[in-house]
Amino acid sequence: MAIKIVFSPVLPAPVMNIARAMVPAGFELHVVEQTSPEFLPSLQDAEFFLGFAREALDRDFYRAAPRLRLVQLISAGYDRLDLEAARRAQVPVANNGGANSVAVAEHTLMLILAVYKQLVWQHQNVVAGKWRVGDFSQTRLYELEGKRLGIVGLGRIGKRVARRARAFDMDVQYHDIVRLSEDQEDALGVRFVLFPELLRTSDVVSLHVPLNAETRNLMSTAEFNAMKDTALLINTCRGPVVDEAALHKALTSGQIAGAGLDVMVQEPPGADHPLFALDNVIITPHTAGPTWENWAKAFRNGFDNIQRVAAGRPPEWVIPELR
């Protein structure tokens, strides 16, 4: 009998076709929407869950799945999970193993470039019939070469950001609770600094940390006050890592020069969000990860980990809180 994998939520057909084409022999994929009445009953004989935690995977979820051996996410983030319920159920939870790290790293560099080059402003001027508007001494465009990038969180994504930034001849420093060895730092071309030093000396501060109690509002008034008034903030991890009210004040007061955000505290944000009125911030709608290439990477990692557990081996990429 085939081993049952429940997949949720239901994704567009072209994406689901990628997943179905990769289902290993001996497994069957049952696709069901998390908000549907069929979701919990479908878990009764399932050994694996694969997908996103867009709805809370809570106590009822684990009670409905007595045979569950692994919750395998195809996302990197897991802040919507009920960690205590998973802990009580003794079911490991794994994320996507860095499948989206290239996508997010590229998006990070795109945001840095877009803010420095005022890409949106330039595009809006051109389509409005305005060609080379203003005085280049007032509307200033900048280069990445020689700028110092401070990476907060040097995991899979942070490392890929560092490599790409080095290709632009940026000087890269980082802060992380896990420090690399000297040889690893030399190979990557980065150096470790303490968090206050990173804020004080970086031209660009880029955030790549998970959302937890320690990182919520990691960037607030004191942190923005410590930054250069010419510095940029880039956030492609989770919105609540940044205190948005403090960011708005920093951007409007000239405490920092600009920001590039792919994530926000409330998603989607309200139509009257104060950051929308600023011309020194560029916002994308939490789209750094889902490139077309990334779907196959995420499904490949997910099915590989499921096969690992089915064969009696420990899973890879278990989230830190449940290791």
C-alpha atoms as a PDB file:
ATOM      1  CA  MET A   1       0.000   0.000   0.000  1.00  0.00           C
ATOM      2  CA  ALA A   2       1.310   3.415  -0.939  1.00  0.00           C
ATOM      3  CA  ILE A   3       2.401   5.788   1.837  1.00  0.00           C
ATOM      4  CA  LYS A   4       0.045   8.746   2.051  1.00  0.00           C
ATOM      5  CA  ILE A   5       1.262  12.340   1.856  1.00  0.00           C
ATOM      6  CA  VAL A   6      -1.297  15.086   2.426  1.00  0.00           C
ATOM      7  CA  PHE A   7      -0.460  18.244   0.510  1.00  0.00           C
ATOM      8  CA  SER A   8      -2.008  21.601   1.353  1.00  0.00           C
ATOM      9  CA  PRO A   9      -2.982  24.242   0.378  1.00  0.00           C
ATOM     10  CA  VAL A  10      -4.109  23.702  -3.201  1.00  0.00           C
ATOM     11  CA  LEU A  11      -1.721  25.578  -5.491  1.00  0.00           C
ATOM     12  CA  PRO A  12      -2.252  26.542  -9.156  1.00  0.00           C
ATOM     13  CA  ALA A  13      -2.395  23.584 -11.533  1.00  0.00           C
ATOM     14  CA  PRO A  14       0.997  24.205 -13.224  1.00  0.00           C
ATOM     15  CA  VAL A  15       2.664  24.215  -9.784  1.00  0.00           C
ATOM     16  CA  MET A  16       0.810  21.107  -8.633  1.00  0.00           C
ATOM     17  CA  ASN A  17       1.876  19.361 -11.847  1.00  0.00           C
ATOM     18  CA  ILE A  18       5.510  19.900 -10.850  1.00  0.00           C
ATOM     19  CA  ALA A  19       4.817  18.325  -7.456  1.00  0.00           C
ATOM     20  CA  ARG A  20       2.881  15.369  -8.869  1.00  0.00           C
ATOM     21  CA  ALA A  21       5.644  14.617 -11.370  1.00  0.00           C
ATOM     22  CA  MET A  22       8.136  14.322  -8.502  1.00  0.00           C
ATOM     23  CA  VAL A  23       6.180  12.041  -6.137  1.00  0.00           C
ATOM     24  CA  PRO A  24       8.516   9.105  -5.345  1.00  0.00           C
ATOM     25  CA  ALA A  25       7.512   5.527  -6.070  1.00  0.00           C
ATOM     26  CA  GLY A  26       5.583   3.980  -3.211  1.00  0.00           C
ATOM     27  CA  PHE A  27       3.956   7.274  -2.156  1.00  0.00           C
ATOM     28  CA  GLU A  28       0.672   8.913  -3.061  1.00  0.00           C
ATOM     29  CA  LEU A  29      -0.141  12.603  -2.893  1.00  0.00           C
ATOM     30  CA  HIS A  30      -3.534  13.757  -1.611  1.00  0.00           C
ATOM     31  CA  VAL A  31      -4.120  17.445  -2.302  1.00  0.00           C
ATOM     32  CA  VAL A  32      -6.683  19.180  -0.079  1.00  0.00           C
ATOM     33  CA  GLU A  33      -7.379  22.755   0.981  1.00  0.00           C
ATOM     34  CA  GLN A  34      -6.582  23.491   4.635  1.00  0.00           C
ATOM     35  CA  THR A  35      -9.799  25.458   5.086  1.00  0.00           C
ATOM     36  CA  SER A  36     -12.047  22.721   3.672  1.00  0.00           C
ATOM     37  CA  PRO A  37     -14.089  20.247   5.800  1.00  0.00           C
ATOM     38  CA  GLU A  38     -12.144  17.408   4.158  1.00  0.00           C
ATOM     39  CA  PHE A  39      -8.753  18.533   5.468  1.00  0.00           C
ATOM     40  CA  LEU A  40      -8.714  17.043   8.982  1.00  0.00           C
ATOM     41  CA  PRO A  41     -10.372  13.739   7.957  1.00  0.00           C
ATOM     42  CA  SER A  42      -7.784  13.363   5.183  1.00  0.00           C
ATOM     43  CA  LEU A  43      -5.047  13.258   7.823  1.00  0.00           C
ATOM     44  CA  GLN A  44      -6.381  10.149   9.578  1.00  0.00           C
ATOM     45  CA  ASP A  45      -4.157   7.713   7.662  1.00  0.00           C
ATOM     46  CA  ALA A  46      -1.501  10.186   6.475  1.00  0.00           C
ATOM     47  CA  GLU A  47       2.124   9.661   7.451  1.00  0.00           C
ATOM     48  CA  PHE A  48       3.426  12.931   6.031  1.00  0.00           C
ATOM     49  CA  PHE A  49       2.228  16.499   5.572  1.00  0.00           C
ATOM     50  CA  LEU A  50       3.780  18.564   2.785  1.00  0.00           C
ATOM     51  CA  GLY A  51       2.997  22.190   2.025  1.00  0.00           C
ATOM     52  CA  PHE A  52       2.603  25.591   3.641  1.00  0.00           C
ATOM     53  CA  ALA A  53       1.403  26.414   7.127  1.00  0.00           C
ATOM     54  CA  ARG A  54      -0.901  29.177   5.927  1.00  0.00           C
ATOM     55  CA  GLU A  55      -3.417  28.121   8.553  1.00  0.00           C
ATOM     56  CA  ALA A  56      -2.358  27.185  12.066  1.00  0.00           C
ATOM     57  CA  LEU A  57      -1.205  23.574  12.293  1.00  0.00           C
ATOM     58  CA  ASP A  58      -2.521  23.308  15.831  1.00  0.00           C
ATOM     59  CA  ARG A  59      -3.591  20.692  18.355  1.00  0.00           C
ATOM     60  CA  ASP A  60      -6.590  19.661  16.237  1.00  0.00           C
ATOM     61  CA  PHE A  61      -4.274  19.084  13.278  1.00  0.00           C
ATOM     62  CA  TYR A  62      -2.072  16.674  15.227  1.00  0.00           C
ATOM     63  CA  ARG A  63      -5.028  14.934  16.862  1.00  0.00           C
ATOM     64  CA  ALA A  64      -6.442  14.277  13.406  1.00  0.00           C
ATOM     65  CA  ALA A  65      -3.142  12.742  12.231  1.00  0.00           C
ATOM     66  CA  PRO A  66      -2.179   9.943  14.663  1.00  0.00           C
ATOM     67  CA  ARG A  67       0.234   8.337  12.153  1.00  0.00           C
ATOM     68  CA  LEU A  68       2.025  11.558  11.211  1.00  0.00           C
ATOM     69  CA  ARG A  69       5.814  11.218  11.045  1.00  0.00           C
ATOM     70  CA  LEU A  70       6.899  14.571   9.588  1.00  0.00           C
ATOM     71  CA  VAL A  71       5.554  18.017   8.791  1.00  0.00           C
ATOM     72  CA  GLN A  72       7.556  19.050   5.728  1.00  0.00           C
ATOM     73  CA  LEU A  73       7.197  22.681   4.760  1.00  0.00           C
ATOM     74  CA  ILE A  74       8.017  23.973   1.303  1.00  0.00           C
ATOM     75  CA  SER A  75       8.614  27.408   2.778  1.00  0.00           C
ATOM     76  CA  ALA A  76      11.561  28.679   4.790  1.00  0.00           C
ATOM     77  CA  GLY A  77       9.425  30.514   7.345  1.00  0.00           C
ATOM     78  CA  TYR A  78       7.427  28.748  10.011  1.00  0.00           C
ATOM     79  CA  ASP A  79       6.185  31.553  12.251  1.00  0.00           C
ATOM     80  CA  ARG A  80       2.517  30.520  11.850  1.00  0.00           C
ATOM     81  CA  LEU A  81       3.163  27.074  13.292  1.00  0.00           C
ATOM     82  CA  ASP A  82       1.861  26.046  16.695  1.00  0.00           C
ATOM     83  CA  LEU A  83       5.253  24.964  18.022  1.00  0.00           C
ATOM     84  CA  GLU A  84       3.917  23.750  21.352  1.00  0.00           C
ATOM     85  CA  ALA A  85       1.379  21.516  19.621  1.00  0.00           C
ATOM     86  CA  ALA A  86       4.149  20.037  17.466  1.00  0.00           C
ATOM     87  CA  ARG A  87       6.323  19.541  20.526  1.00  0.00           C
ATOM     88  CA  ARG A  88       3.556  17.738  22.416  1.00  0.00           C
ATOM     89  CA  ALA A  89       2.809  15.554  19.407  1.00  0.00           C
ATOM     90  CA  GLN A  90       6.536  14.772  19.061  1.00  0.00           C
ATOM     91  CA  VAL A  91       6.332  15.275  15.313  1.00  0.00           C
ATOM     92  CA  PRO A  92       9.380  16.888  13.689  1.00  0.00           C
ATOM     93  CA  VAL A  93       8.832  19.945  11.517  1.00  0.00           C
ATOM     94  CA  ALA A  94      11.294  20.711   8.711  1.00  0.00           C
ATOM     95  CA  ASN A  95      11.499  23.724   6.447  1.00  0.00           C
ATOM     96  CA  ASN A  96      12.524  23.744   2.787  1.00  0.00           C
ATOM     97  CA  GLY A  97      16.254  23.338   3.316  1.00  0.00           C
ATOM     98  CA  GLY A  98      17.192  26.599   1.687  1.00  0.00           C
ATOM     99  CA  ALA A  99      15.369  25.876  -1.566  1.00  0.00           C
ATOM    100  CA  ASN A 100      14.449  29.549  -1.886  1.00  0.00           C
ATOM    101  CA  SER A 101      17.854  30.912  -0.895  1.00  0.00           C
ATOM    102  CA  VAL A 102      18.916  31.870  -4.434  1.00  0.00           C
ATOM    103  CA  ALA A 103      15.585  33.581  -5.092  1.00  0.00           C
ATOM    104  CA  VAL A 104      15.646  35.595  -1.874  1.00  0.00           C
ATOM    105  CA  ALA A 105      19.319  36.491  -2.244  1.00  0.00           C
ATOM    106  CA  GLU A 106      18.709  37.797  -5.771  1.00  0.00           C
ATOM    107  CA  HIS A 107      15.656  39.727  -4.570  1.00  0.00           C
ATOM    108  CA  THR A 108      17.736  41.286  -1.803  1.00  0.00           C
ATOM    109  CA  LEU A 109      20.284  42.609  -4.278  1.00  0.00           C
ATOM    110  CA  MET A 110      17.462  43.786  -6.527  1.00  0.00           C
ATOM    111  CA  LEU A 111      15.977  45.853  -3.688  1.00  0.00           C
ATOM    112  CA  ILE A 112      19.351  47.372  -2.837  1.00  0.00           C
ATOM    113  CA  LEU A 113      19.903  48.343  -6.456  1.00  0.00           C
ATOM    114  CA  ALA A 114      16.332  49.574  -6.905  1.00  0.00           C
ATOM    115  CA  VAL A 115      16.593  51.908  -3.902  1.00  0.00           C
ATOM    116  CA  TYR A 116      20.077  53.164  -4.762  1.00  0.00           C
ATOM    117  CA  LYS A 117      19.149  53.740  -8.419  1.00  0.00           C
ATOM    118  CA  GLN A 118      15.633  55.075  -7.629  1.00  0.00           C
ATOM    119  CA  LEU A 119      14.241  52.593 -10.123  1.00  0.00           C
ATOM    120  CA  VAL A 120      10.534  53.111  -9.434  1.00  0.00           C
ATOM    121  CA  TRP A 121      10.841  56.901  -9.557  1.00  0.00           C
ATOM    122  CA  GLN A 122      12.698  56.738 -12.858  1.00  0.00           C
ATOM    123  CA  HIS A 123      10.152  54.385 -14.402  1.00  0.00           C
ATOM    124  CA  GLN A 124       7.199  56.491 -13.259  1.00  0.00           C
ATOM    125  CA  ASN A 125       8.793  59.606 -14.724  1.00  0.00           C
ATOM    126  CA  VAL A 126       9.413  57.987 -18.106  1.00  0.00           C
ATOM    127  CA  VAL A 127       5.882  56.609 -18.510  1.00  0.00           C
ATOM    128  CA  ALA A 128       4.520  60.030 -17.467  1.00  0.00           C
ATOM    129  CA  GLY A 129       6.438  61.655 -20.314  1.00  0.00           C
ATOM    130  CA  LYS A 130       9.216  63.076 -18.134  1.00  0.00           C
ATOM    131  CA  TRP A 131      12.734  62.363 -19.397  1.00  0.00           C
ATOM    132  CA  ARG A 132      15.745  62.884 -17.097  1.00  0.00           C
ATOM    133  CA  VAL A 133      13.838  64.964 -14.585  1.00  0.00           C
ATOM    134  CA  GLY A 134      15.556  67.152 -12.030  1.00  0.00           C
ATOM    135  CA  ASP A 135      19.071  67.888 -10.913  1.00  0.00           C
ATOM    136  CA  PHE A 136      21.351  64.878 -10.441  1.00  0.00           C
ATOM    137  CA  SER A 137      22.971  66.635  -7.517  1.00  0.00           C
ATOM    138  CA  GLN A 138      19.632  66.572  -5.686  1.00  0.00           C
ATOM    139  CA  THR A 139      18.148  63.309  -6.953  1.00  0.00           C
ATOM    140  CA  ARG A 140      21.202  61.203  -6.354  1.00  0.00           C
ATOM    141  CA  LEU A 141      21.888  57.737  -7.728  1.00  0.00           C
ATOM    142  CA  TYR A 142      24.523  55.513  -6.106  1.00  0.00           C
ATOM    143  CA  GLU A 143      26.828  52.596  -6.866  1.00  0.00           C
ATOM    144  CA  LEU A 144      27.251  49.422  -4.813  1.00  0.00           C
ATOM    145  CA  GLU A 145      31.018  49.292  -5.244  1.00  0.00           C
ATOM    146  CA  GLY A 146      32.766  50.172  -1.995  1.00  0.00           C
ATOM    147  CA  LYS A 147      29.583  50.207   0.078  1.00  0.00           C
ATOM    148  CA  ARG A 148      29.573  48.178   3.289  1.00  0.00           C
ATOM    149  CA  LEU A 149      26.814  45.591   3.585  1.00  0.00           C
ATOM    150  CA  GLY A 150      25.832  44.400   7.053  1.00  0.00           C
ATOM    151  CA  ILE A 151      24.041  41.046   6.987  1.00  0.00           C
ATOM    152  CA  VAL A 152      21.992  40.198  10.078  1.00  0.00           C
ATOM    153  CA  GLY A 153      21.615  36.416  10.064  1.00  0.00           C
ATOM    154  CA  LEU A 154      24.189  34.501   8.023  1.00  0.00           C
ATOM    155  CA  GLY A 155      22.226  31.346   7.236  1.00  0.00           C
ATOM    156  CA  ARG A 156      21.717  29.847   3.797  1.00  0.00           C
ATOM    157  CA  ILE A 157      20.162  33.010   2.416  1.00  0.00           C
ATOM    158  CA  GLY A 158      22.600  35.346   4.146  1.00  0.00           C
ATOM    159  CA  LYS A 159      25.573  33.459   2.714  1.00  0.00           C
ATOM    160  CA  ARG A 160      24.183  33.686  -0.804  1.00  0.00           C
ATOM    161  CA  VAL A 161      23.586  37.409  -0.338  1.00  0.00           C
ATOM    162  CA  ALA A 162      27.197  37.788   0.780  1.00  0.00           C
ATOM    163  CA  ARG A 163      28.524  36.031  -2.331  1.00  0.00           C
ATOM    164  CA  ARG A 164      26.444  38.176  -4.649  1.00  0.00           C
ATOM    165  CA  ALA A 165      27.344  41.378  -2.824  1.00  0.00           C
ATOM    166  CA  ARG A 166      31.027  40.534  -3.112  1.00  0.00           C
ATOM    167  CA  ALA A 167      30.537  40.251  -6.882  1.00  0.00           C
ATOM    168  CA  PHE A 168      29.466  43.915  -6.773  1.00  0.00           C
ATOM    169  CA  ASP A 169      32.670  44.731  -4.861  1.00  0.00           C
ATOM    170  CA  MET A 170      30.807  45.491  -1.648  1.00  0.00           C
ATOM    171  CA  ASP A 171      32.542  45.105   1.704  1.00  0.00           C
ATOM    172  CA  VAL A 172      30.557  42.505   3.670  1.00  0.00           C
ATOM    173  CA  GLN A 173      30.252  42.107   7.427  1.00  0.00           C
ATOM    174  CA  TYR A 174      27.749  40.058   9.400  1.00  0.00           C
ATOM    175  CA  HIS A 175      26.263  39.346  12.788  1.00  0.00           C
ATOM    176  CA  ASP A 176      24.765  36.000  13.763  1.00  0.00           C
ATOM    177  CA  ILE A 177      24.276  34.028  16.975  1.00  0.00           C
ATOM    178  CA  VAL A 178      26.291  31.277  15.250  1.00  0.00           C
ATOM    179  CA  ARG A 179      29.686  32.544  14.210  1.00  0.00           C
ATOM    180  CA  LEU A 180      31.632  31.038  11.301  1.00  0.00           C
ATOM    181  CA  SER A 181      35.162  29.772  11.738  1.00  0.00           C
ATOM    182  CA  GLU A 182      37.975  32.021  10.576  1.00  0.00           C
ATOM    183  CA  ASP A 183      38.546  29.808   7.542  1.00  0.00           C
ATOM    184  CA  GLN A 184      34.846  29.946   6.640  1.00  0.00           C
ATOM    185  CA  GLU A 185      34.808  33.720   6.965  1.00  0.00           C
ATOM    186  CA  ASP A 186      37.887  34.011   4.764  1.00  0.00           C
ATOM    187  CA  ALA A 187      36.382  31.714   2.120  1.00  0.00           C
ATOM    188  CA  LEU A 188      33.154  33.706   2.027  1.00  0.00           C
ATOM    189  CA  GLY A 189      34.899  37.063   2.208  1.00  0.00           C
ATOM    190  CA  VAL A 190      33.017  38.295   5.277  1.00  0.00           C
ATOM    191  CA  ARG A 191      33.928  39.356   8.788  1.00  0.00           C
ATOM    192  CA  PHE A 192      32.011  39.075  12.037  1.00  0.00           C
ATOM    193  CA  VAL A 193      31.018  42.168  14.003  1.00  0.00           C
ATOM    194  CA  LEU A 194      28.812  42.772  17.007  1.00  0.00           C
ATOM    195  CA  PHE A 195      25.278  43.950  16.263  1.00  0.00           C
ATOM    196  CA  PRO A 196      25.758  47.577  17.442  1.00  0.00           C
ATOM    197  CA  GLU A 197      28.915  47.854  15.359  1.00  0.00           C
ATOM    198  CA  LEU A 198      27.127  46.469  12.313  1.00  0.00           C
ATOM    199  CA  LEU A 199      24.381  49.075  12.635  1.00  0.00           C
ATOM    200  CA  ARG A 200      26.843  51.913  13.168  1.00  0.00           C
ATOM    201  CA  THR A 201      29.187  51.098  10.275  1.00  0.00           C
ATOM    202  CA  SER A 202      27.029  49.576   7.503  1.00  0.00           C
ATOM    203  CA  ASP A 203      25.816  51.436   4.440  1.00  0.00           C
ATOM    204  CA  VAL A 204      23.162  48.760   3.923  1.00  0.00           C
ATOM    205  CA  VAL A 205      21.642  46.606   6.687  1.00  0.00           C
ATOM    206  CA  SER A 206      19.971  43.463   5.322  1.00  0.00           C
ATOM    207  CA  LEU A 207      17.839  41.224   7.562  1.00  0.00           C
ATOM    208  CA  HIS A 208      17.829  37.430   7.197  1.00  0.00           C
ATOM    209  CA  VAL A 209      16.624  36.057  10.534  1.00  0.00           C
ATOM    210  CA  PRO A 210      13.656  33.867  11.514  1.00  0.00           C
ATOM    211  CA  LEU A 211      10.786  35.500  13.347  1.00  0.00           C
ATOM    212  CA  ASN A 212      10.753  34.547  17.026  1.00  0.00           C
ATOM    213  CA  ALA A 213      10.562  36.221  20.421  1.00  0.00           C
ATOM    214  CA  GLU A 214      14.167  37.405  20.161  1.00  0.00           C
ATOM    215  CA  THR A 215      13.877  38.903  16.672  1.00  0.00           C
ATOM    216  CA  ARG A 216      10.446  40.530  16.879  1.00  0.00           C
ATOM    217  CA  ASN A 217      11.011  44.302  16.594  1.00  0.00           C
ATOM    218  CA  LEU A 218      14.735  43.641  16.270  1.00  0.00           C
ATOM    219  CA  MET A 219      14.896  46.907  14.329  1.00  0.00           C
ATOM    220  CA  SER A 220      13.241  49.707  16.291  1.00  0.00           C
ATOM    221  CA  THR A 221      13.960  53.272  17.376  1.00  0.00           C
ATOM    222  CA  ALA A 222      17.310  52.653  19.081  1.00  0.00           C
ATOM    223  CA  GLU A 223      18.592  50.584  16.173  1.00  0.00           C
ATOM    224  CA  PHE A 224      17.606  53.157  13.547  1.00  0.00           C
ATOM    225  CA  ASN A 225      19.178  55.896  15.647  1.00  0.00           C
ATOM    226  CA  ALA A 226      22.431  53.922  15.583  1.00  0.00           C
ATOM    227  CA  MET A 227      22.537  53.701  11.775  1.00  0.00           C
ATOM    228  CA  LYS A 228      24.162  56.131   9.370  1.00  0.00           C
ATOM    229  CA  ASP A 229      21.855  58.794   7.977  1.00  0.00           C
ATOM    230  CA  THR A 230      22.920  57.602   4.502  1.00  0.00           C
ATOM    231  CA  ALA A 231      22.125  53.936   5.228  1.00  0.00           C
ATOM    232  CA  LEU A 232      19.462  51.662   3.762  1.00  0.00           C
ATOM    233  CA  LEU A 233      17.420  48.968   5.487  1.00  0.00           C
ATOM    234  CA  ILE A 234      16.502  45.855   3.484  1.00  0.00           C
ATOM    235  CA  ASN A 235      14.048  43.297   4.879  1.00  0.00           C
ATOM    236  CA  THR A 236      13.283  40.063   3.028  1.00  0.00           C
ATOM    237  CA  CYS A 237      12.699  37.824   6.067  1.00  0.00           C
ATOM    238  CA  ARG A 238       9.570  38.578   8.127  1.00  0.00           C
ATOM    239  CA  GLY A 239       7.684  41.844   8.610  1.00  0.00           C
ATOM    240  CA  PRO A 240       7.449  41.884  12.420  1.00  0.00           C
ATOM    241  CA  VAL A 241      11.258  41.856  12.664  1.00  0.00           C
ATOM    242  CA  VAL A 242      10.913  45.583  11.943  1.00  0.00           C
ATOM    243  CA  ASP A 243       8.977  48.099  14.037  1.00  0.00           C
ATOM    244  CA  GLU A 244       7.182  49.828  11.165  1.00  0.00           C
ATOM    245  CA  ALA A 245       6.249  52.934  13.124  1.00  0.00           C
ATOM    246  CA  ALA A 246       9.892  53.424  14.083  1.00  0.00           C
ATOM    247  CA  LEU A 247      10.941  52.779  10.469  1.00  0.00           C
ATOM    248  CA  HIS A 248       8.474  55.385   9.203  1.00  0.00           C
ATOM    249  CA  LYS A 249       9.874  57.939  11.649  1.00  0.00           C
ATOM    250  CA  ALA A 250      13.453  57.088  10.668  1.00  0.00           C
ATOM    251  CA  LEU A 251      12.650  57.490   6.965  1.00  0.00           C
ATOM    252  CA  THR A 252      10.732  60.756   7.332  1.00  0.00           C
ATOM    253  CA  SER A 253      13.164  62.365   9.763  1.00  0.00           C
ATOM    254  CA  GLY A 254      16.259  61.597   7.709  1.00  0.00           C
ATOM    255  CA  GLN A 255      17.634  59.210  10.327  1.00  0.00           C
ATOM    256  CA  ILE A 256      18.170  56.689   7.534  1.00  0.00           C
ATOM    257  CA  ALA A 257      18.101  57.273   3.794  1.00  0.00           C
ATOM    258  CA  GLY A 258      15.830  54.542   2.462  1.00  0.00           C
ATOM    259  CA  ALA A 259      14.401  51.056   2.707  1.00  0.00           C
ATOM    260  CA  GLY A 260      13.532  48.067   0.540  1.00  0.00           C
ATOM    261  CA  LEU A 261      10.900  45.716   1.958  1.00  0.00           C
ATOM    262  CA  ASP A 262       9.490  42.426   0.710  1.00  0.00           C
ATOM    263  CA  VAL A 263       7.585  41.735   3.925  1.00  0.00           C
ATOM    264  CA  MET A 264       5.362  43.729   6.244  1.00  0.00           C
ATOM    265  CA  VAL A 265       3.817  43.323   9.677  1.00  0.00           C
ATOM    266  CA  GLN A 266       0.324  42.924   8.237  1.00  0.00           C
ATOM    267  CA  GLU A 267       0.070  41.150   4.909  1.00  0.00           C
ATOM    268  CA  PRO A 268      -1.535  42.512   2.884  1.00  0.00           C
ATOM    269  CA  PRO A 269      -1.142  45.932   4.500  1.00  0.00           C
ATOM    270  CA  GLY A 270      -3.971  48.432   4.674  1.00  0.00           C
ATOM    271  CA  ALA A 271      -4.437  50.729   1.691  1.00  0.00           C
ATOM    272  CA  ASP A 272      -3.567  53.768   3.810  1.00  0.00           C
ATOM    273  CA  HIS A 273      -0.317  52.380   5.237  1.00  0.00           C
ATOM    274  CA  PRO A 274       1.986  55.338   6.091  1.00  0.00           C
ATOM    275  CA  LEU A 275       4.983  53.813   4.301  1.00  0.00           C
ATOM    276  CA  PHE A 276       3.097  53.969   0.984  1.00  0.00           C
ATOM    277  CA  ALA A 277       3.360  57.757   0.947  1.00  0.00           C
ATOM    278  CA  LEU A 278       7.168  57.794   1.079  1.00  0.00           C
ATOM    279  CA  ASP A 279       9.363  58.056  -1.992  1.00  0.00           C
ATOM    280  CA  ASN A 280      12.432  56.585  -0.279  1.00  0.00           C
ATOM    281  CA  VAL A 281      10.991  53.111   0.253  1.00  0.00           C
ATOM    282  CA  ILE A 282      10.327  50.327  -2.275  1.00  0.00           C
ATOM    283  CA  ILE A 283       7.928  47.529  -1.300  1.00  0.00           C
ATOM    284  CA  THR A 284       7.312  44.181  -2.995  1.00  0.00           C
ATOM    285  CA  PRO A 285       4.470  41.845  -1.899  1.00  0.00           C
ATOM    286  CA  HIS A 286       6.361  38.997  -0.182  1.00  0.00           C
ATOM    287  CA  THR A 287       7.448  37.623  -3.545  1.00  0.00           C
ATOM    288  CA  ALA A 288      11.170  37.105  -3.008  1.00  0.00           C
ATOM    289  CA  GLY A 289      10.855  33.331  -2.677  1.00  0.00           C
ATOM    290  CA  PRO A 290       8.385  31.944  -5.225  1.00  0.00           C
ATOM    291  CA  THR A 291      10.365  32.081  -8.438  1.00  0.00           C
ATOM    292  CA  TRP A 292       9.409  29.512 -11.040  1.00  0.00           C
ATOM    293  CA  GLU A 293      12.704  27.660 -10.548  1.00  0.00           C
ATOM    294  CA  ASN A 294      12.151  27.487  -6.797  1.00  0.00           C
ATOM    295  CA  TRP A 295       9.084  25.217  -6.930  1.00  0.00           C
ATOM    296  CA  ALA A 296      11.068  22.239  -8.191  1.00  0.00           C
ATOM    297  CA  LYS A 297      13.830  22.877  -5.653  1.00  0.00           C
ATOM    298  CA  ALA A 298      11.359  23.016  -2.763  1.00  0.00           C
ATOM    299  CA  PHE A 299       9.450  19.894  -3.841  1.00  0.00           C
ATOM    300  CA  ARG A 300      12.694  18.012  -4.434  1.00  0.00           C
ATOM    301  CA  ASN A 301      13.933  18.798  -0.929  1.00  0.00           C
ATOM    302  CA  GLY A 302      10.546  17.959   0.559  1.00  0.00           C
ATOM    303  CA  PHE A 303      10.195  14.555  -1.098  1.00  0.00           C
ATOM    304  CA  ASP A 304      13.818  13.723  -0.319  1.00  0.00           C
ATOM    305  CA  ASN A 305      13.243  14.420   3.368  1.00  0.00           C
ATOM    306  CA  ILE A 306      10.019  12.395   3.375  1.00  0.00           C
ATOM    307  CA  GLN A 307      11.844   9.423   1.843  1.00  0.00           C
ATOM    308  CA  ARG A 308      14.570   9.830   4.446  1.00  0.00           C
ATOM    309  CA  VAL A 309      12.092   9.558   7.319  1.00  0.00           C
ATOM    310  CA  ALA A 310      10.154   6.725   5.649  1.00  0.00           C
ATOM    311  CA  ALA A 311      13.414   4.774   5.477  1.00  0.00           C
ATOM    312  CA  GLY A 312      13.978   5.231   9.215  1.00  0.00           C
ATOM    313  CA  ARG A 313      16.588   7.980   9.005  1.00  0.00           C
ATOM    314  CA  PRO A 314      16.357  11.305  10.861  1.00  0.00           C
ATOM    315  CA  PRO A 315      15.006  14.252   8.848  1.00  0.00           C
ATOM    316  CA  GLU A 316      17.107  17.140   7.622  1.00  0.00           C
ATOM    317  CA  TRP A 317      16.306  20.821   8.193  1.00  0.00           C
ATOM    318  CA  VAL A 318      14.295  20.404  11.397  1.00  0.00           C
ATOM    319  CA  ILE A 319      13.472  23.880  12.716  1.00  0.00           C
ATOM    320  CA  PRO A 320      15.708  24.929  15.644  1.00  0.00           C
ATOM    321  CA  GLU A 321      12.931  25.057  18.255  1.00  0.00           C
ATOM    322  CA  LEU A 322      12.180  21.341  17.761  1.00  0.00           C
ATOM    323  CA  ARG A 323      15.673  19.905  17.421  1.00  0.00           C
END
